[in-house]
Amino acid sequence: LSCAASGSTLSINLIGWFRQAPGKQRELVALISS
């Protein structure tokens, strides 16, 4: 999977991935720090 950021990206911090399965709450999958 890829995540592309656009717009005002000078100060953006890409921090991680989440997922939501049918009938379930959104959950953390993976985080990446600075």
ModelCIF file with pLDDT and N, C-alpha, C, O atoms, coordinates in Angstrom:
data_MODEL
#
_entry.id   MODEL 
#
_entity.id                         1 
_entity.type                       polymer 
_entity.pdbx_number_of_molecules   1 
#
_entity_poly.entity_id                      1 
_entity_poly.type                           'polypeptide(L)' 
_entity_poly.nstd_linkage                   no 
_entity_poly.nstd_monomer                   no 
_entity_poly.pdbx_seq_one_letter_code       LSCAASGSTLSINLIGWFRQAPGKQRELVALISS 
_entity_poly.pdbx_seq_one_letter_code_can   LSCAASGSTLSINLIGWFRQAPGKQRELVALISS 
_entity_poly.pdbx_strand_id                 A 
#
loop_
_entity_poly_seq.entity_id 
_entity_poly_seq.num 
_entity_poly_seq.mon_id 
_entity_poly_seq.hetero 
1 1  LEU n 
1 2  SER n 
1 3  CYS n 
1 4  ALA n 
1 5  ALA n 
1 6  SER n 
1 7  GLY n 
1 8  SER n 
1 9  THR n 
1 10 LEU n 
1 11 SER n 
1 12 ILE n 
1 13 ASN n 
1 14 LEU n 
1 15 ILE n 
1 16 GLY n 
1 17 TRP n 
1 18 PHE n 
1 19 ARG n 
1 20 GLN n 
1 21 ALA n 
1 22 PRO n 
1 23 GLY n 
1 24 LYS n 
1 25 GLN n 
1 26 ARG n 
1 27 GLU n 
1 28 LEU n 
1 29 VAL n 
1 30 ALA n 
1 31 LEU n 
1 32 ILE n 
1 33 SER n 
1 34 SER n 
#
_struct_asym.id          A 
_struct_asym.entity_id   1 
#
loop_
_ma_qa_metric.id 
_ma_qa_metric.mode 
_ma_qa_metric.name 
_ma_qa_metric.software_group_id 
_ma_qa_metric.type 
1 global pLDDT . pLDDT 
2 local  pLDDT . pLDDT 
#
_ma_qa_metric_global.metric_id      1 
_ma_qa_metric_global.metric_value   93.88 
_ma_qa_metric_global.model_id       1 
_ma_qa_metric_global.ordinal_id     1 
#
loop_
_ma_qa_metric_local.label_asym_id 
_ma_qa_metric_local.label_comp_id 
_ma_qa_metric_local.label_seq_id 
_ma_qa_metric_local.metric_id 
_ma_qa_metric_local.metric_value 
_ma_qa_metric_local.model_id 
_ma_qa_metric_local.ordinal_id 
A LEU 1  2 98.00 1 1  
A SER 2  2 98.00 1 2  
A CYS 3  2 98.00 1 3  
A ALA 4  2 97.00 1 4  
A ALA 5  2 95.00 1 5  
A SER 6  2 93.00 1 6  
A GLY 7  2 89.00 1 7  
A SER 8  2 84.00 1 8  
A THR 9  2 79.00 1 9  
A LEU 10 2 81.00 1 10 
A SER 11 2 87.00 1 11 
A ILE 12 2 90.00 1 12 
A ASN 13 2 92.00 1 13 
A LEU 14 2 93.00 1 14 
A ILE 15 2 94.00 1 15 
A GLY 16 2 97.00 1 16 
A TRP 17 2 98.00 1 17 
A PHE 18 2 98.00 1 18 
A ARG 19 2 98.00 1 19 
A GLN 20 2 98.00 1 20 
A ALA 21 2 97.00 1 21 
A PRO 22 2 91.00 1 22 
A GLY 23 2 94.00 1 23 
A LYS 24 2 96.00 1 24 
A GLN 25 2 97.00 1 25 
A ARG 26 2 97.00 1 26 
A GLU 27 2 98.00 1 27 
A LEU 28 2 98.00 1 28 
A VAL 29 2 98.00 1 29 
A ALA 30 2 98.00 1 30 
A LEU 31 2 98.00 1 31 
A ILE 32 2 97.00 1 32 
A SER 33 2 91.00 1 33 
A SER 34 2 85.00 1 34 
#
loop_
_atom_site.group_PDB 
_atom_site.id 
_atom_site.type_symbol 
_atom_site.label_atom_id 
_atom_site.label_alt_id 
_atom_site.label_comp_id 
_atom_site.label_asym_id 
_atom_site.label_entity_id 
_atom_site.label_seq_id 
_atom_site.pdbx_PDB_ins_code 
_atom_site.Cartn_x 
_atom_site.Cartn_y 
_atom_site.Cartn_z 
_atom_site.occupancy 
_atom_site.B_iso_or_equiv 
_atom_site.pdbx_formal_charge 
_atom_site.auth_seq_id 
_atom_site.auth_comp_id 
_atom_site.auth_asym_id 
_atom_site.auth_atom_id 
_atom_site.pdbx_PDB_model_num 
ATOM 1   N N  . LEU A 1 1  ? 0.830   -1.186 0.000  1.00 98.00 ? 1  LEU A N  1 
ATOM 2   C CA . LEU A 1 1  ? 0.000   0.000  0.000  1.00 98.00 ? 1  LEU A CA 1 
ATOM 3   C C  . LEU A 1 1  ? 0.870   1.244  0.000  1.00 98.00 ? 1  LEU A C  1 
ATOM 4   O O  . LEU A 1 1  ? 1.936   1.271  0.616  1.00 98.00 ? 1  LEU A O  1 
ATOM 5   N N  . SER A 1 2  ? 0.407   2.272  -0.696 1.00 98.00 ? 2  SER A N  1 
ATOM 6   C CA . SER A 1 2  ? 1.098   3.546  -0.735 1.00 98.00 ? 2  SER A CA 1 
ATOM 7   C C  . SER A 1 2  ? 0.171   4.646  -0.257 1.00 98.00 ? 2  SER A C  1 
ATOM 8   O O  . SER A 1 2  ? -1.040  4.593  -0.470 1.00 98.00 ? 2  SER A O  1 
ATOM 9   N N  . CYS A 1 3  ? 0.748   5.634  0.387  1.00 98.00 ? 3  CYS A N  1 
ATOM 10  C CA . CYS A 1 3  ? 0.027   6.815  0.836  1.00 98.00 ? 3  CYS A CA 1 
ATOM 11  C C  . CYS A 1 3  ? 0.778   8.026  0.326  1.00 98.00 ? 3  CYS A C  1 
ATOM 12  O O  . CYS A 1 3  ? 1.936   8.238  0.684  1.00 98.00 ? 3  CYS A O  1 
ATOM 13  N N  . ALA A 1 4  ? 0.132   8.816  -0.503 1.00 97.00 ? 4  ALA A N  1 
ATOM 14  C CA . ALA A 1 4  ? 0.745   10.002 -1.083 1.00 97.00 ? 4  ALA A CA 1 
ATOM 15  C C  . ALA A 1 4  ? 0.124   11.249 -0.479 1.00 97.00 ? 4  ALA A C  1 
ATOM 16  O O  . ALA A 1 4  ? -1.097  11.399 -0.458 1.00 97.00 ? 4  ALA A O  1 
ATOM 17  N N  . ALA A 1 5  ? 0.966   12.133 0.009  1.00 95.00 ? 5  ALA A N  1 
ATOM 18  C CA . ALA A 1 5  ? 0.516   13.394 0.574  1.00 95.00 ? 5  ALA A CA 1 
ATOM 19  C C  . ALA A 1 5  ? 0.723   14.516 -0.429 1.00 95.00 ? 5  ALA A C  1 
ATOM 20  O O  . ALA A 1 5  ? 1.732   14.557 -1.133 1.00 95.00 ? 5  ALA A O  1 
ATOM 21  N N  . SER A 1 6  ? -0.230  15.414 -0.487 1.00 93.00 ? 6  SER A N  1 
ATOM 22  C CA . SER A 1 6  ? -0.122  16.565 -1.370 1.00 93.00 ? 6  SER A CA 1 
ATOM 23  C C  . SER A 1 6  ? -0.724  17.784 -0.689 1.00 93.00 ? 6  SER A C  1 
ATOM 24  O O  . SER A 1 6  ? -1.338  17.679 0.373  1.00 93.00 ? 6  SER A O  1 
ATOM 25  N N  . GLY A 1 7  ? -0.542  18.935 -1.310 1.00 89.00 ? 7  GLY A N  1 
ATOM 26  C CA . GLY A 1 7  ? -1.014  20.169 -0.726 1.00 89.00 ? 7  GLY A CA 1 
ATOM 27  C C  . GLY A 1 7  ? 0.095   20.850 0.049  1.00 89.00 ? 7  GLY A C  1 
ATOM 28  O O  . GLY A 1 7  ? 1.237   20.911 -0.407 1.00 89.00 ? 7  GLY A O  1 
ATOM 29  N N  . SER A 1 8  ? -0.242  21.357 1.213  1.00 84.00 ? 8  SER A N  1 
ATOM 30  C CA . SER A 1 8  ? 0.725   22.047 2.062  1.00 84.00 ? 8  SER A CA 1 
ATOM 31  C C  . SER A 1 8  ? 1.490   21.026 2.886  1.00 84.00 ? 8  SER A C  1 
ATOM 32  O O  . SER A 1 8  ? 1.143   20.750 4.035  1.00 84.00 ? 8  SER A O  1 
ATOM 33  N N  . THR A 1 9  ? 2.530   20.472 2.289  1.00 79.00 ? 9  THR A N  1 
ATOM 34  C CA . THR A 1 9  ? 3.243   19.343 2.889  1.00 79.00 ? 9  THR A CA 1 
ATOM 35  C C  . THR A 1 9  ? 4.541   19.724 3.587  1.00 79.00 ? 9  THR A C  1 
ATOM 36  O O  . THR A 1 9  ? 5.270   18.840 4.038  1.00 79.00 ? 9  THR A O  1 
ATOM 37  N N  . LEU A 1 10 ? 4.848   21.001 3.688  1.00 81.00 ? 10 LEU A N  1 
ATOM 38  C CA . LEU A 1 10 ? 6.117   21.404 4.274  1.00 81.00 ? 10 LEU A CA 1 
ATOM 39  C C  . LEU A 1 10 ? 6.261   20.954 5.717  1.00 81.00 ? 10 LEU A C  1 
ATOM 40  O O  . LEU A 1 10 ? 7.369   20.645 6.155  1.00 81.00 ? 10 LEU A O  1 
ATOM 41  N N  . SER A 1 11 ? 5.169   20.911 6.465  1.00 87.00 ? 11 SER A N  1 
ATOM 42  C CA . SER A 1 11 ? 5.222   20.553 7.874  1.00 87.00 ? 11 SER A CA 1 
ATOM 43  C C  . SER A 1 11 ? 4.539   19.230 8.178  1.00 87.00 ? 11 SER A C  1 
ATOM 44  O O  . SER A 1 11 ? 4.255   18.941 9.340  1.00 87.00 ? 11 SER A O  1 
ATOM 45  N N  . ILE A 1 12 ? 4.269   18.423 7.162  1.00 90.00 ? 12 ILE A N  1 
ATOM 46  C CA . ILE A 1 12 ? 3.494   17.207 7.370  1.00 90.00 ? 12 ILE A CA 1 
ATOM 47  C C  . ILE A 1 12 ? 4.330   16.106 8.010  1.00 90.00 ? 12 ILE A C  1 
ATOM 48  O O  . ILE A 1 12 ? 5.521   15.968 7.732  1.00 90.00 ? 12 ILE A O  1 
ATOM 49  N N  . ASN A 1 13 ? 3.689   15.336 8.863  1.00 92.00 ? 13 ASN A N  1 
ATOM 50  C CA . ASN A 1 13 ? 4.285   14.161 9.477  1.00 92.00 ? 13 ASN A CA 1 
ATOM 51  C C  . ASN A 1 13 ? 3.416   12.952 9.157  1.00 92.00 ? 13 ASN A C  1 
ATOM 52  O O  . ASN A 1 13 ? 2.299   12.834 9.661  1.00 92.00 ? 13 ASN A O  1 
ATOM 53  N N  . LEU A 1 14 ? 3.921   12.071 8.334  1.00 93.00 ? 14 LEU A N  1 
ATOM 54  C CA . LEU A 1 14 ? 3.225   10.820 8.037  1.00 93.00 ? 14 LEU A CA 1 
ATOM 55  C C  . LEU A 1 14 ? 3.489   9.862  9.186  1.00 93.00 ? 14 LEU A C  1 
ATOM 56  O O  . LEU A 1 14 ? 4.642   9.533  9.466  1.00 93.00 ? 14 LEU A O  1 
ATOM 57  N N  . ILE A 1 15 ? 2.441   9.412  9.849  1.00 94.00 ? 15 ILE A N  1 
ATOM 58  C CA . ILE A 1 15 ? 2.644   8.712  11.110 1.00 94.00 ? 15 ILE A CA 1 
ATOM 59  C C  . ILE A 1 15 ? 2.221   7.248  11.115 1.00 94.00 ? 15 ILE A C  1 
ATOM 60  O O  . ILE A 1 15 ? 2.716   6.484  11.944 1.00 94.00 ? 15 ILE A O  1 
ATOM 61  N N  . GLY A 1 16 ? 1.328   6.827  10.225 1.00 97.00 ? 16 GLY A N  1 
ATOM 62  C CA . GLY A 1 16 ? 0.995   5.418  10.297 1.00 97.00 ? 16 GLY A CA 1 
ATOM 63  C C  . GLY A 1 16 ? -0.220  4.994  9.506  1.00 97.00 ? 16 GLY A C  1 
ATOM 64  O O  . GLY A 1 16 ? -0.843  5.785  8.797  1.00 97.00 ? 16 GLY A O  1 
ATOM 65  N N  . TRP A 1 17 ? -0.542  3.705  9.652  1.00 98.00 ? 17 TRP A N  1 
ATOM 66  C CA . TRP A 1 17 ? -1.643  3.060  8.969  1.00 98.00 ? 17 TRP A CA 1 
ATOM 67  C C  . TRP A 1 17 ? -2.654  2.511  9.957  1.00 98.00 ? 17 TRP A C  1 
ATOM 68  O O  . TRP A 1 17 ? -2.291  1.999  11.016 1.00 98.00 ? 17 TRP A O  1 
ATOM 69  N N  . PHE A 1 18 ? -3.923  2.621  9.602  1.00 98.00 ? 18 PHE A N  1 
ATOM 70  C CA . PHE A 1 18 ? -5.028  2.070  10.360 1.00 98.00 ? 18 PHE A CA 1 
ATOM 71  C C  . PHE A 1 18 ? -5.907  1.269  9.405  1.00 98.00 ? 18 PHE A C  1 
ATOM 72  O O  . PHE A 1 18 ? -5.794  1.402  8.187  1.00 98.00 ? 18 PHE A O  1 
ATOM 73  N N  . ARG A 1 19 ? -6.777  0.440  9.963  1.00 98.00 ? 19 ARG A N  1 
ATOM 74  C CA . ARG A 1 19 ? -7.698  -0.306 9.119  1.00 98.00 ? 19 ARG A CA 1 
ATOM 75  C C  . ARG A 1 19 ? -9.030  -0.475 9.829  1.00 98.00 ? 19 ARG A C  1 
ATOM 76  O O  . ARG A 1 19 ? -9.112  -0.419 11.056 1.00 98.00 ? 19 ARG A O  1 
ATOM 77  N N  . GLN A 1 20 ? -10.064 -0.681 9.039  1.00 98.00 ? 20 GLN A N  1 
ATOM 78  C CA . GLN A 1 20 ? -11.394 -0.907 9.574  1.00 98.00 ? 20 GLN A CA 1 
ATOM 79  C C  . GLN A 1 20 ? -12.048 -2.036 8.795  1.00 98.00 ? 20 GLN A C  1 
ATOM 80  O O  . GLN A 1 20 ? -12.303 -1.918 7.596  1.00 98.00 ? 20 GLN A O  1 
ATOM 81  N N  . ALA A 1 21 ? -12.315 -3.127 9.493  1.00 97.00 ? 21 ALA A N  1 
ATOM 82  C CA . ALA A 1 21 ? -12.984 -4.276 8.911  1.00 97.00 ? 21 ALA A CA 1 
ATOM 83  C C  . ALA A 1 21 ? -14.493 -4.123 9.073  1.00 97.00 ? 21 ALA A C  1 
ATOM 84  O O  . ALA A 1 21 ? -14.947 -3.372 9.936  1.00 97.00 ? 21 ALA A O  1 
ATOM 85  N N  . PRO A 1 22 ? -15.271 -4.822 8.256  1.00 91.00 ? 22 PRO A N  1 
ATOM 86  C CA . PRO A 1 22 ? -16.733 -4.725 8.377  1.00 91.00 ? 22 PRO A CA 1 
ATOM 87  C C  . PRO A 1 22 ? -17.208 -5.049 9.782  1.00 91.00 ? 22 PRO A C  1 
ATOM 88  O O  . PRO A 1 22 ? -16.836 -6.075 10.351 1.00 91.00 ? 22 PRO A O  1 
ATOM 89  N N  . GLY A 1 23 ? -18.032 -4.171 10.337 1.00 94.00 ? 23 GLY A N  1 
ATOM 90  C CA . GLY A 1 23 ? -18.592 -4.385 11.654 1.00 94.00 ? 23 GLY A CA 1 
ATOM 91  C C  . GLY A 1 23 ? -17.650 -4.142 12.810 1.00 94.00 ? 23 GLY A C  1 
ATOM 92  O O  . GLY A 1 23 ? -18.000 -4.421 13.957 1.00 94.00 ? 23 GLY A O  1 
ATOM 93  N N  . LYS A 1 24 ? -16.460 -3.626 12.536 1.00 96.00 ? 24 LYS A N  1 
ATOM 94  C CA . LYS A 1 24 ? -15.484 -3.399 13.585 1.00 96.00 ? 24 LYS A CA 1 
ATOM 95  C C  . LYS A 1 24 ? -15.039 -1.937 13.617 1.00 96.00 ? 24 LYS A C  1 
ATOM 96  O O  . LYS A 1 24 ? -15.235 -1.187 12.661 1.00 96.00 ? 24 LYS A O  1 
ATOM 97  N N  . GLN A 1 25 ? -14.438 -1.555 14.738 1.00 97.00 ? 25 GLN A N  1 
ATOM 98  C CA . GLN A 1 25 ? -13.889 -0.221 14.876 1.00 97.00 ? 25 GLN A CA 1 
ATOM 99  C C  . GLN A 1 25 ? -12.580 -0.106 14.109 1.00 97.00 ? 25 GLN A C  1 
ATOM 100 O O  . GLN A 1 25 ? -11.908 -1.102 13.842 1.00 97.00 ? 25 GLN A O  1 
ATOM 101 N N  . ARG A 1 26 ? -12.231 1.130  13.760 1.00 97.00 ? 26 ARG A N  1 
ATOM 102 C CA . ARG A 1 26 ? -10.939 1.365  13.152 1.00 97.00 ? 26 ARG A CA 1 
ATOM 103 C C  . ARG A 1 26 ? -9.840  1.052  14.160 1.00 97.00 ? 26 ARG A C  1 
ATOM 104 O O  . ARG A 1 26 ? -9.928  1.442  15.324 1.00 97.00 ? 26 ARG A O  1 
ATOM 105 N N  . GLU A 1 27 ? -8.819  0.356  13.717 1.00 98.00 ? 27 GLU A N  1 
ATOM 106 C CA . GLU A 1 27 ? -7.753  -0.056 14.607 1.00 98.00 ? 27 GLU A CA 1 
ATOM 107 C C  . GLU A 1 27 ? -6.388  0.303  14.045 1.00 98.00 ? 27 GLU A C  1 
ATOM 108 O O  . GLU A 1 27 ? -6.201  0.416  12.834 1.00 98.00 ? 27 GLU A O  1 
ATOM 109 N N  . LEU A 1 28 ? -5.449  0.477  14.947 1.00 98.00 ? 28 LEU A N  1 
ATOM 110 C CA . LEU A 1 28 ? -4.074  0.755  14.566 1.00 98.00 ? 28 LEU A CA 1 
ATOM 111 C C  . LEU A 1 28 ? -3.443  -0.471 13.933 1.00 98.00 ? 28 LEU A C  1 
ATOM 112 O O  . LEU A 1 28 ? -3.589  -1.583 14.440 1.00 98.00 ? 28 LEU A O  1 
ATOM 113 N N  . VAL A 1 29 ? -2.744  -0.270 12.832 1.00 98.00 ? 29 VAL A N  1 
ATOM 114 C CA . VAL A 1 29 ? -1.979  -1.328 12.187 1.00 98.00 ? 29 VAL A CA 1 
ATOM 115 C C  . VAL A 1 29 ? -0.493  -1.136 12.428 1.00 98.00 ? 29 VAL A C  1 
ATOM 116 O O  . VAL A 1 29 ? 0.187   -2.049 12.896 1.00 98.00 ? 29 VAL A O  1 
ATOM 117 N N  . ALA A 1 30 ? 0.015   0.055  12.108 1.00 98.00 ? 30 ALA A N  1 
ATOM 118 C CA . ALA A 1 30 ? 1.442   0.310  12.226 1.00 98.00 ? 30 ALA A CA 1 
ATOM 119 C C  . ALA A 1 30 ? 1.700   1.799  12.368 1.00 98.00 ? 30 ALA A C  1 
ATOM 120 O O  . ALA A 1 30 ? 1.003   2.623  11.775 1.00 98.00 ? 30 ALA A O  1 
ATOM 121 N N  . LEU A 1 31 ? 2.707   2.135  13.158 1.00 98.00 ? 31 LEU A N  1 
ATOM 122 C CA . LEU A 1 31 ? 3.145   3.508  13.347 1.00 98.00 ? 31 LEU A CA 1 
ATOM 123 C C  . LEU A 1 31 ? 4.619   3.623  12.989 1.00 98.00 ? 31 LEU A C  1 
ATOM 124 O O  . LEU A 1 31 ? 5.378   2.663  13.116 1.00 98.00 ? 31 LEU A O  1 
ATOM 125 N N  . ILE A 1 32 ? 5.013   4.810  12.539 1.00 97.00 ? 32 ILE A N  1 
ATOM 126 C CA . ILE A 1 32 ? 6.420   5.093  12.291 1.00 97.00 ? 32 ILE A CA 1 
ATOM 127 C C  . ILE A 1 32 ? 6.718   6.468  12.854 1.00 97.00 ? 32 ILE A C  1 
ATOM 128 O O  . ILE A 1 32 ? 5.990   7.425  12.590 1.00 97.00 ? 32 ILE A O  1 
ATOM 129 N N  . SER A 1 33 ? 7.785   6.569  13.629 1.00 91.00 ? 33 SER A N  1 
ATOM 130 C CA . SER A 1 33 ? 8.112   7.803  14.322 1.00 91.00 ? 33 SER A CA 1 
ATOM 131 C C  . SER A 1 33 ? 8.993   8.694  13.472 1.00 91.00 ? 33 SER A C  1 
ATOM 132 O O  . SER A 1 33 ? 9.412   8.322  12.376 1.00 91.00 ? 33 SER A O  1 
ATOM 133 N N  . SER A 1 34 ? 9.265   9.879  13.998 1.00 85.00 ? 34 SER A N  1 
ATOM 134 C CA . SER A 1 34 ? 10.147  10.818 13.302 1.00 85.00 ? 34 SER A CA 1 
ATOM 135 C C  . SER A 1 34 ? 11.560  10.279 13.168 1.00 85.00 ? 34 SER A C  1 
ATOM 136 O O  . SER A 1 34 ? 12.426  10.949 12.605 1.00 85.00 ? 34 SER A O  1 
#
